[in-house]
Amino acid sequence: MARYNVPGSVVAVVNEGRLVIAKESGYNNLVNWIPIDANTKIFRTGSPPDFLVDHAWTGHK
C-alpha cells in the first residue's frame, strides 16, 4: 500500500455467491485517521480496464 500511496484496502474471497473471507487494512480517512472496517462502503476503484479484468476473472458476462 505504501508503494502506491494507498491508505487502505479490502480483499474479499467469494465462492459460489457466498463470502468466504474478507480482510481490511489501513484507513478510509487520513484526516481523522478512521480505520477501514466492515461498514466501509466507499472505495475508489481502479481504471476501467481493471474493472473489466475483474469481471472476466469472476465469470460475469
Foldseek 3Di string as FASTA:
>chain_A
DVVVPDQKDKDWDDDPRHTPDMDIDGPPDPVVRHRDDPPDDDDDDDDPVVVVVVCVVVVHD
